[in-house]
Amino acid sequence: MPRNTPIHSQQYPDSFYVATAKELYQHPKLTENITADVCIVGGGFSGINTAIELRQRGYSVVLLEAKRIGWGASGRNGGELIRGIGHDATQFRNEIGDEGVKAIQQMGFEAVDIVTQRITDHKIDCDLHMGYCDLAVKSRHMDDLAAEYQDLKDQGYQKSIKLLDRSQIDEVIGSDFYQGALVDMGSGHLHPLNLALGEAKIARELGAQLFEYSAAEKIIKGNKPKVITAEGEVTCNYLVLAGNGYIGNKLSPFLGGKVLPTGTYLLATEPLTEQQCASIIPQNMAFADMRVALDYFHLSADRRLLFGGLCTYSGKDPKDIEAELRPNLEKVFPQLKGIKIDYEWGGMMGIGANRMPQIGRLPDAANIYFAQAYAGHGVNATHMAARLIAEAISQQSQRIDVFNDIKHMTFPGGPMLRSPLLAAGMLYHRMKDLL
């Protein structure tokens, strides 16, 4: 089967997810001038779920996607649904206070519940399976896991969690590479493209208008913002920018300068036997280790190992994803040495300097909202961002303010210098991982 479709083609790039998609519904292209209460730019999890939340509140909604629904990170990611939002909310205590920190921590739990409830309520067929482990590679990671375990208890986390040392880790994984694990039965894994496609169907059925191949080329701010595409135009009362790593400086210099598109890549093996599955992942959990340049993996519904990692900051994709990732896979699972790889793929996620999602309003346009920079943990955080934006627009709550009050650095030097600057910073953290 083909394995080297260009990652940045307009059609869906070849991947295990595309090959097993339930329904690749073709939405129309915008070819006229229309109006709506809300226009959303971006057809990933953030945009689709904002459309759902707003339609449930009675707003008319138009969504514009430059390529296909779920084409970006939403349809290509590792498929891991993990509790939490951002990296260590306590670092923002001076900006948002103790109550703000506590609110973000609790929303990190609520975000997973939003996803699982939506899947359950609408019977979305996306292979959801609960159970996840953070993995310690170094002994110092065990101290971090013990602290996380206690933090979760202190925060009143209601799901089952368990701390495993090296002597116990074979309960969940057949690998000698790790020192221990934190088991969380409130997190899990799923088929992200089928989730995105299923949610797009919900949005359509609720009456949202979804358009593909309708890239926003220009936005005009004002009391009635306008979004201009190649062949049409949307006039709205509220605008939501949900393009994440693809938003770009041209459409919004303010947002484009605060998010860096970062590559991450995956392999899917040939289907494994039941014995092989039991030998590597006996409880069908998802995993991620605690290094900066982490590995993440789980089994698919048809018993393939989906194995990802290899973050890149250059904007260039590896020439041979399998050659780059296979050594990592075989280091973790030497019993799979030489296993056939059926799919390889990757894509861009959005990362901000402080690893906290950027959710709020443009400083010079209170009727333009945005959500981006999920730093690789967007499956749940996108759904939370969508709810916060919908609550703000409908004046149900201003929970969004806790995120809006966090300051986000603009990457210096313009687009050409952002990648090498971040790459240098990440190299420093990778070197620390070796100690």
Protein backbone atom coordinates (compact mmCIF):
# COMPACT_ATOMS: atom_id res chain seq x y z
CA MET A 1 0.00 0.00 0.00
CA PRO A 2 1.25 3.57 -0.52
CA ARG A 3 3.16 4.96 2.43
CA ASN A 4 4.72 8.15 1.18
CA THR A 5 1.87 10.42 0.15
CA PRO A 6 3.05 14.03 0.64
CA ILE A 7 2.17 15.05 4.17
CA HIS A 8 0.99 18.50 3.12
CA SER A 9 -1.31 17.60 0.21
CA GLN A 10 -4.81 19.12 0.20
CA GLN A 11 -6.50 15.75 0.24
CA TYR A 12 -6.09 13.66 3.36
CA PRO A 13 -2.52 12.36 3.56
CA ASP A 14 -2.11 8.61 3.66
CA SER A 15 -2.27 7.28 7.21
CA PHE A 16 -3.73 4.43 9.21
CA TYR A 17 -6.50 6.78 10.30
CA VAL A 18 -7.53 7.69 6.76
CA ALA A 19 -7.42 4.03 5.70
CA THR A 20 -9.82 3.15 8.52
CA ALA A 21 -12.03 6.25 8.42
CA LYS A 22 -15.74 5.53 8.76
CA GLU A 23 -17.03 8.24 6.41
CA LEU A 24 -14.93 10.85 4.58
CA TYR A 25 -17.90 13.14 3.99
CA GLN A 26 -17.30 15.80 1.30
CA HIS A 27 -18.47 19.24 2.39
CA PRO A 28 -19.16 21.98 -0.17
CA LYS A 29 -16.89 24.90 -1.00
CA LEU A 30 -17.99 28.42 -0.07
CA THR A 31 -18.89 30.20 -3.32
CA GLU A 32 -21.20 33.01 -2.15
CA ASN A 33 -21.52 35.80 0.39
CA ILE A 34 -23.40 34.68 3.49
CA THR A 35 -24.11 35.82 7.04
CA ALA A 36 -24.14 34.02 10.39
CA ASP A 37 -24.08 34.76 14.08
CA VAL A 38 -20.66 33.13 14.30
CA CYS A 39 -17.99 32.28 11.73
CA ILE A 40 -15.34 29.74 12.72
CA VAL A 41 -12.04 29.42 10.87
CA GLY A 42 -10.60 25.91 11.20
CA GLY A 43 -12.16 22.48 10.84
CA GLY A 44 -10.30 20.57 13.56
CA PHE A 45 -11.46 19.63 17.04
CA SER A 46 -11.54 23.24 18.26
CA GLY A 47 -13.63 24.53 15.37
CA ILE A 48 -15.99 21.58 15.07
CA ASN A 49 -16.75 21.48 18.77
CA THR A 50 -17.23 25.24 18.98
CA ALA A 51 -19.80 24.79 16.19
CA ILE A 52 -21.56 22.06 18.18
CA GLU A 53 -21.56 24.04 21.42
CA LEU A 54 -22.90 27.18 19.71
CA ARG A 55 -25.60 25.39 17.72
CA GLN A 56 -26.76 23.76 20.96
CA ARG A 57 -27.15 27.30 22.29
CA GLY A 58 -29.14 28.43 19.24
CA TYR A 59 -26.54 30.43 17.28
CA SER A 60 -26.26 30.19 13.50
CA VAL A 61 -22.77 28.97 12.60
CA VAL A 62 -20.57 28.87 9.49
CA LEU A 63 -17.29 26.92 9.65
CA LEU A 64 -14.53 27.40 7.05
CA GLU A 65 -11.83 24.76 6.55
CA ALA A 66 -8.93 25.35 4.17
CA LYS A 67 -8.61 21.68 3.24
CA ARG A 68 -10.65 18.79 4.70
CA ILE A 69 -12.37 18.39 8.07
CA GLY A 70 -9.78 16.95 10.47
CA TRP A 71 -6.98 17.39 7.91
CA GLY A 72 -4.50 18.84 10.43
CA ALA A 73 -3.41 17.66 13.85
CA SER A 74 -6.95 16.62 14.82
CA GLY A 75 -6.96 13.82 12.26
CA ARG A 76 -3.31 12.73 12.51
CA ASN A 77 -2.34 12.80 16.18
CA GLY A 78 -1.39 9.98 18.52
CA GLY A 79 -5.00 9.42 19.52
CA GLU A 80 -4.33 9.74 23.25
CA LEU A 81 -7.01 11.28 25.45
CA ILE A 82 -5.07 12.45 28.51
CA ARG A 83 -6.25 14.39 31.56
CA GLY A 84 -4.92 17.89 32.12
CA ILE A 85 -4.54 21.17 30.27
CA GLY A 86 -1.14 22.71 29.71
CA HIS A 87 2.11 22.19 31.54
CA ASP A 88 2.01 23.00 35.27
CA ALA A 89 -0.65 25.66 35.80
CA THR A 90 1.02 26.67 39.08
CA GLN A 91 3.67 28.60 37.12
CA PHE A 92 0.96 31.18 36.28
CA ARG A 93 -0.14 31.78 39.88
CA ASN A 94 1.07 35.40 39.82
CA GLU A 95 -1.16 36.10 36.81
CA ILE A 96 -4.30 34.13 37.65
CA GLY A 97 -4.08 33.49 41.39
CA ASP A 98 -4.76 30.31 43.34
CA GLU A 99 -8.36 30.18 42.12
CA GLY A 100 -7.23 30.40 38.51
CA VAL A 101 -4.74 27.59 38.98
CA LYS A 102 -7.41 25.45 40.62
CA ALA A 103 -9.88 26.24 37.81
CA ILE A 104 -7.45 25.11 35.10
CA GLN A 105 -6.67 21.93 37.01
CA GLN A 106 -10.34 21.07 37.32
CA MET A 107 -10.99 21.93 33.67
CA GLY A 108 -8.25 19.45 32.80
CA PHE A 109 -10.50 16.75 34.25
CA GLU A 110 -13.71 18.21 32.80
CA ALA A 111 -12.17 18.27 29.31
CA VAL A 112 -11.88 14.47 29.20
CA ASP A 113 -15.46 14.15 30.43
CA ILE A 114 -16.66 16.40 27.59
CA VAL A 115 -15.06 14.08 25.04
CA THR A 116 -16.27 10.83 26.55
CA GLN A 117 -19.79 12.21 27.08
CA ARG A 118 -20.00 13.40 23.48
CA ILE A 119 -18.86 9.99 22.22
CA THR A 120 -21.38 8.23 24.47
CA ASP A 121 -24.34 10.54 23.81
CA HIS A 122 -23.94 10.42 20.03
CA LYS A 123 -22.60 6.87 19.72
CA ILE A 124 -19.50 7.98 17.81
CA ASP A 125 -17.62 4.91 16.56
CA CYS A 126 -14.02 5.95 17.30
CA ASP A 127 -12.55 3.01 19.23
CA LEU A 128 -12.50 4.74 22.62
CA HIS A 129 -10.74 2.66 25.27
CA MET A 130 -9.90 3.94 28.74
CA GLY A 131 -6.57 3.35 30.46
CA TYR A 132 -3.33 5.33 30.17
CA CYS A 133 0.17 5.32 31.70
CA ASP A 134 2.85 7.96 32.14
CA LEU A 135 6.19 6.13 31.96
CA ALA A 136 9.39 6.88 33.86
CA VAL A 137 12.60 6.45 31.87
CA LYS A 138 14.90 7.87 34.55
CA SER A 139 14.80 7.32 38.31
CA ARG A 140 14.12 11.05 38.78
CA HIS A 141 10.97 10.59 36.68
CA MET A 142 9.66 8.35 39.47
CA ASP A 143 9.88 11.28 41.88
CA ASP A 144 7.88 13.36 39.39
CA LEU A 145 5.26 10.62 39.07
CA ALA A 146 4.96 10.29 42.84
CA ALA A 147 4.41 14.06 43.09
CA GLU A 148 1.81 13.92 40.27
CA TYR A 149 0.05 11.04 42.01
CA GLN A 150 -0.22 13.07 45.23
CA ASP A 151 -1.31 16.20 43.33
CA LEU A 152 -4.14 14.27 41.68
CA LYS A 153 -5.27 12.99 45.06
CA ASP A 154 -5.12 16.49 46.53
CA GLN A 155 -7.16 17.88 43.61
CA GLY A 156 -9.90 15.32 44.22
CA TYR A 157 -9.38 13.38 41.00
CA GLN A 158 -12.18 10.83 40.89
CA LYS A 159 -10.72 8.25 38.50
CA SER A 160 -8.66 5.23 39.52
CA ILE A 161 -4.90 5.92 39.63
CA LYS A 162 -2.03 3.69 40.68
CA LEU A 163 1.72 4.15 41.02
CA LEU A 164 3.83 1.21 39.82
CA ASP A 165 7.55 0.70 40.46
CA ARG A 166 9.89 -1.32 38.29
CA SER A 167 8.94 -4.60 39.95
CA GLN A 168 5.26 -4.00 39.14
CA ILE A 169 5.39 -2.42 35.70
CA ASP A 170 4.93 -5.69 33.81
CA GLU A 171 1.27 -5.48 34.88
CA VAL A 172 0.80 -2.89 32.14
CA ILE A 173 3.73 -3.09 29.69
CA GLY A 174 6.14 -5.74 28.45
CA SER A 175 9.28 -3.60 28.28
CA ASP A 176 12.47 -3.33 30.35
CA PHE A 177 13.03 0.24 29.14
CA TYR A 178 11.07 1.89 31.96
CA GLN A 179 11.55 2.47 35.69
CA GLY A 180 7.88 2.68 36.59
CA ALA A 181 4.50 4.12 35.68
CA LEU A 182 1.52 6.14 36.82
CA VAL A 183 -1.67 4.36 35.73
CA ASP A 184 -4.74 6.54 35.06
CA MET A 185 -8.01 4.86 34.21
CA GLY A 186 -9.61 8.24 33.54
CA SER A 187 -7.53 8.76 30.39
CA GLY A 188 -7.29 6.55 27.32
CA HIS A 189 -7.00 6.31 23.56
CA LEU A 190 -9.18 6.56 20.46
CA HIS A 191 -9.23 6.97 16.66
CA PRO A 192 -8.93 10.77 16.34
CA LEU A 193 -10.01 11.16 12.72
CA ASN A 194 -13.16 9.13 13.29
CA LEU A 195 -13.86 11.28 16.34
CA ALA A 196 -13.46 14.46 14.27
CA LEU A 197 -15.61 13.10 11.45
CA GLY A 198 -18.25 11.92 13.90
CA GLU A 199 -18.35 15.32 15.56
CA ALA A 200 -18.59 17.06 12.18
CA LYS A 201 -21.67 14.94 11.50
CA ILE A 202 -23.17 16.11 14.79
CA ALA A 203 -22.48 19.74 13.83
CA ARG A 204 -24.14 19.25 10.41
CA GLU A 205 -27.17 17.58 11.94
CA LEU A 206 -27.51 20.47 14.40
CA GLY A 207 -27.62 22.87 11.44
CA ALA A 208 -24.09 24.27 11.26
CA GLN A 209 -22.85 25.06 7.74
CA LEU A 210 -19.45 23.43 7.14
CA PHE A 211 -17.33 24.36 4.11
CA GLU A 212 -14.13 22.68 2.89
CA TYR A 213 -11.48 24.01 0.48
CA SER A 214 -12.52 27.44 1.72
CA ALA A 215 -9.39 28.99 3.20
CA ALA A 216 -9.75 32.30 4.98
CA GLU A 217 -7.56 34.71 3.05
CA LYS A 218 -8.36 37.87 4.99
CA ILE A 219 -10.32 38.95 8.04
CA ILE A 220 -11.81 42.41 8.47
CA LYS A 221 -12.41 43.46 12.07
CA GLY A 222 -15.34 45.57 13.21
CA ASN A 223 -18.77 45.36 14.77
CA LYS A 224 -19.57 42.83 12.04
CA PRO A 225 -16.34 40.97 11.25
CA LYS A 226 -15.89 39.63 7.74
CA VAL A 227 -13.94 36.62 6.54
CA ILE A 228 -12.89 36.66 2.89
CA THR A 229 -12.21 33.44 0.96
CA ALA A 230 -11.20 32.95 -2.68
CA GLU A 231 -14.82 32.67 -3.84
CA GLY A 232 -16.97 33.89 -0.97
CA GLU A 233 -17.38 35.97 2.14
CA VAL A 234 -18.89 35.51 5.59
CA THR A 235 -20.24 38.40 7.65
CA CYS A 236 -20.79 37.59 11.31
CA ASN A 237 -21.31 38.98 14.81
CA TYR A 238 -18.54 36.86 16.32
CA LEU A 239 -15.46 35.30 14.77
CA VAL A 240 -13.54 32.30 16.15
CA LEU A 241 -10.00 31.64 14.90
CA ALA A 242 -9.22 27.95 15.43
CA GLY A 243 -6.51 27.27 12.86
CA ASN A 244 -3.86 26.47 15.51
CA GLY A 245 -0.42 25.85 13.95
CA TYR A 246 -1.80 26.69 10.51
CA ILE A 247 -3.21 30.12 11.37
CA GLY A 248 -0.18 31.99 9.99
CA ASN A 249 1.03 35.56 10.31
CA LYS A 250 -0.87 36.77 7.28
CA LEU A 251 -4.29 36.07 8.76
CA SER A 252 -3.41 37.16 12.30
CA PRO A 253 0.09 38.43 13.15
CA PHE A 254 -0.86 38.49 16.84
CA LEU A 255 -1.71 34.78 16.89
CA GLY A 256 0.78 33.61 14.28
CA GLY A 257 3.67 34.99 16.29
CA LYS A 258 2.68 33.10 19.43
CA VAL A 259 2.44 29.58 18.03
CA LEU A 260 5.09 27.46 16.37
CA PRO A 261 4.10 24.61 14.03
CA THR A 262 6.00 21.54 15.22
CA GLY A 263 6.19 18.18 13.47
CA THR A 264 5.38 14.85 15.10
CA TYR A 265 5.27 11.45 13.40
CA LEU A 266 3.79 7.97 13.73
CA LEU A 267 4.12 4.41 12.53
CA ALA A 268 1.47 1.69 12.37
CA THR A 269 2.72 -1.89 12.31
CA GLU A 270 1.09 -4.80 10.58
CA PRO A 271 -1.64 -6.40 12.73
CA LEU A 272 -0.14 -8.27 15.68
CA THR A 273 -1.22 -11.64 17.00
CA GLU A 274 -3.13 -11.80 20.26
CA GLN A 275 -0.02 -13.28 21.86
CA GLN A 276 2.14 -10.38 20.66
CA CYS A 277 -0.36 -7.85 21.97
CA ALA A 278 -0.48 -9.55 25.36
CA SER A 279 3.31 -9.60 25.52
CA ILE A 280 3.72 -5.84 24.98
CA ILE A 281 0.51 -4.17 26.21
CA PRO A 282 -1.51 -6.68 28.26
CA GLN A 283 -4.25 -4.25 29.32
CA ASN A 284 -4.69 -2.31 26.04
CA MET A 285 -3.62 1.02 27.56
CA ALA A 286 -2.08 4.10 25.97
CA PHE A 287 1.39 5.29 26.98
CA ALA A 288 3.71 8.28 26.85
CA ASP A 289 7.08 8.64 28.53
CA MET A 290 8.29 11.66 30.47
CA ARG A 291 11.17 12.84 28.29
CA VAL A 292 11.03 16.07 26.28
CA ALA A 293 11.59 14.05 23.09
CA LEU A 294 9.02 11.50 24.18
CA ASP A 295 7.64 8.30 22.66
CA TYR A 296 3.88 7.63 22.77
CA PHE A 297 2.04 4.49 21.68
CA HIS A 298 -0.97 2.22 21.98
CA LEU A 299 -2.73 -0.61 20.16
CA SER A 300 -5.36 0.05 17.49
CA ALA A 301 -8.70 -1.73 17.40
CA ASP A 302 -7.32 -4.13 14.77
CA ARG A 303 -4.24 -4.93 16.94
CA ARG A 304 -1.60 -2.75 15.30
CA LEU A 305 0.97 -0.95 17.41
CA LEU A 306 0.68 2.79 16.74
CA PHE A 307 4.02 4.28 17.78
CA GLY A 308 4.83 8.00 17.66
CA GLY A 309 7.36 10.64 18.58
CA LEU A 310 10.22 12.38 16.79
CA CYS A 311 9.26 16.04 17.34
CA THR A 312 10.86 18.37 14.78
CA TYR A 313 11.02 22.15 14.79
CA SER A 314 12.53 22.83 11.38
CA GLY A 315 9.27 22.80 9.41
CA LYS A 316 10.67 19.95 7.31
CA ASP A 317 9.42 16.38 7.42
CA PRO A 318 11.86 13.46 7.69
CA LYS A 319 12.70 11.84 4.37
CA ASP A 320 12.00 8.41 5.84
CA ILE A 321 9.76 8.37 8.91
CA GLU A 322 10.14 4.64 9.43
CA ALA A 323 13.94 4.84 9.43
CA GLU A 324 13.79 7.56 12.07
CA LEU A 325 11.17 5.97 14.35
CA ARG A 326 11.85 2.23 14.05
CA PRO A 327 14.94 2.31 16.33
CA ASN A 328 12.82 3.93 19.07
CA LEU A 329 10.08 1.32 18.66
CA GLU A 330 12.55 -1.57 18.79
CA LYS A 331 14.33 -0.09 21.84
CA VAL A 332 11.04 -0.10 23.73
CA PHE A 333 9.84 -3.44 22.34
CA PRO A 334 12.85 -5.52 21.17
CA GLN A 335 10.48 -8.48 20.79
CA LEU A 336 9.03 -6.65 17.75
CA LYS A 337 12.39 -6.23 16.00
CA GLY A 338 11.88 -6.43 12.23
CA ILE A 339 8.09 -6.05 12.45
CA LYS A 340 6.53 -4.91 9.17
CA ILE A 341 5.38 -1.29 9.07
CA ASP A 342 2.19 -0.71 7.07
CA TYR A 343 1.76 3.06 7.54
CA GLU A 344 3.91 6.07 8.32
CA TRP A 345 2.66 9.63 8.59
CA GLY A 346 2.99 12.88 10.46
CA GLY A 347 1.85 16.46 10.68
CA MET A 348 2.10 19.75 12.50
CA MET A 349 0.87 20.60 15.97
CA GLY A 350 1.00 24.05 17.55
CA ILE A 351 3.29 24.85 20.49
CA GLY A 352 3.53 28.07 22.49
CA ALA A 353 6.54 29.17 24.51
CA ASN A 354 4.98 28.34 27.88
CA ARG A 355 3.18 25.12 26.88
CA MET A 356 -0.21 26.44 28.05
CA PRO A 357 -3.03 26.53 25.48
CA GLN A 358 -3.83 30.02 24.22
CA ILE A 359 -7.55 30.64 24.58
CA GLY A 360 -9.16 34.07 24.65
CA ARG A 361 -10.11 37.20 22.70
CA LEU A 362 -7.98 39.35 20.45
CA PRO A 363 -6.84 42.40 22.45
CA ASP A 364 -8.08 44.81 19.78
CA ALA A 365 -11.31 42.97 18.91
CA ALA A 366 -13.52 41.70 21.74
CA ASN A 367 -15.80 39.87 19.27
CA ILE A 368 -12.95 37.74 17.85
CA TYR A 369 -12.04 34.66 19.87
CA PHE A 370 -9.17 32.22 19.40
CA ALA A 371 -7.91 28.83 20.59
CA GLN A 372 -4.52 27.34 19.71
CA ALA A 373 -1.14 25.99 20.94
CA TYR A 374 -2.19 22.73 22.62
CA ALA A 375 1.41 21.43 22.62
CA GLY A 376 0.52 17.85 21.74
CA HIS A 377 -2.35 17.39 24.22
CA GLY A 378 -5.16 18.77 22.14
CA VAL A 379 -7.69 15.93 22.03
CA ASN A 380 -9.21 16.98 25.33
CA ALA A 381 -8.06 20.63 25.56
CA THR A 382 -9.70 21.53 22.24
CA HIS A 383 -13.06 20.40 23.54
CA MET A 384 -12.64 22.46 26.69
CA ALA A 385 -11.63 25.51 24.64
CA ALA A 386 -14.75 25.11 22.49
CA ARG A 387 -16.98 25.07 25.56
CA LEU A 388 -15.28 28.12 27.06
CA ILE A 389 -15.69 30.12 23.84
CA ALA A 390 -19.35 29.13 23.51
CA GLU A 391 -20.00 30.04 27.15
CA ALA A 392 -18.38 33.45 26.62
CA ILE A 393 -20.28 34.23 23.41
CA SER A 394 -23.59 33.19 24.98
CA GLN A 395 -22.71 35.04 28.22
CA GLN A 396 -23.26 31.91 30.27
CA SER A 397 -19.92 32.33 32.01
CA GLN A 398 -16.56 34.03 31.66
CA ARG A 399 -14.45 31.02 32.59
CA ILE A 400 -12.43 31.85 29.48
CA ASP A 401 -10.89 34.79 31.39
CA VAL A 402 -8.58 32.53 33.37
CA PHE A 403 -6.85 31.62 30.09
CA ASN A 404 -7.20 35.09 28.59
CA ASP A 405 -5.28 36.55 31.56
CA ILE A 406 -2.19 34.39 30.96
CA LYS A 407 0.55 36.20 29.05
CA HIS A 408 2.01 34.46 25.99
CA MET A 409 5.35 35.39 24.51
CA THR A 410 5.63 36.26 20.85
CA PHE A 411 8.46 34.24 19.34
CA PRO A 412 11.21 36.71 18.41
CA GLY A 413 12.70 37.18 14.96
CA GLY A 414 9.70 36.54 12.75
CA PRO A 415 8.73 33.22 11.13
CA MET A 416 12.21 32.50 9.73
CA LEU A 417 13.91 32.54 13.14
CA ARG A 418 11.24 30.96 15.34
CA SER A 419 12.00 27.35 14.43
CA PRO A 420 15.77 27.47 14.98
CA LEU A 421 15.34 29.36 18.25
CA LEU A 422 12.89 26.81 19.61
CA ALA A 423 15.00 23.94 18.25
CA ALA A 424 17.97 25.27 20.21
CA GLY A 425 15.89 25.51 23.36
CA MET A 426 14.52 22.00 22.94
CA LEU A 427 18.04 20.65 22.34
CA TYR A 428 18.99 21.99 25.76
CA HIS A 429 16.09 20.13 27.39
CA ARG A 430 16.91 16.94 25.47
CA MET A 431 20.48 17.10 26.76
CA LYS A 432 19.09 17.36 30.29
CA ASP A 433 17.08 14.19 29.60
CA LEU A 434 20.36 12.33 29.05
CA LEU A 435 21.61 13.15 32.56
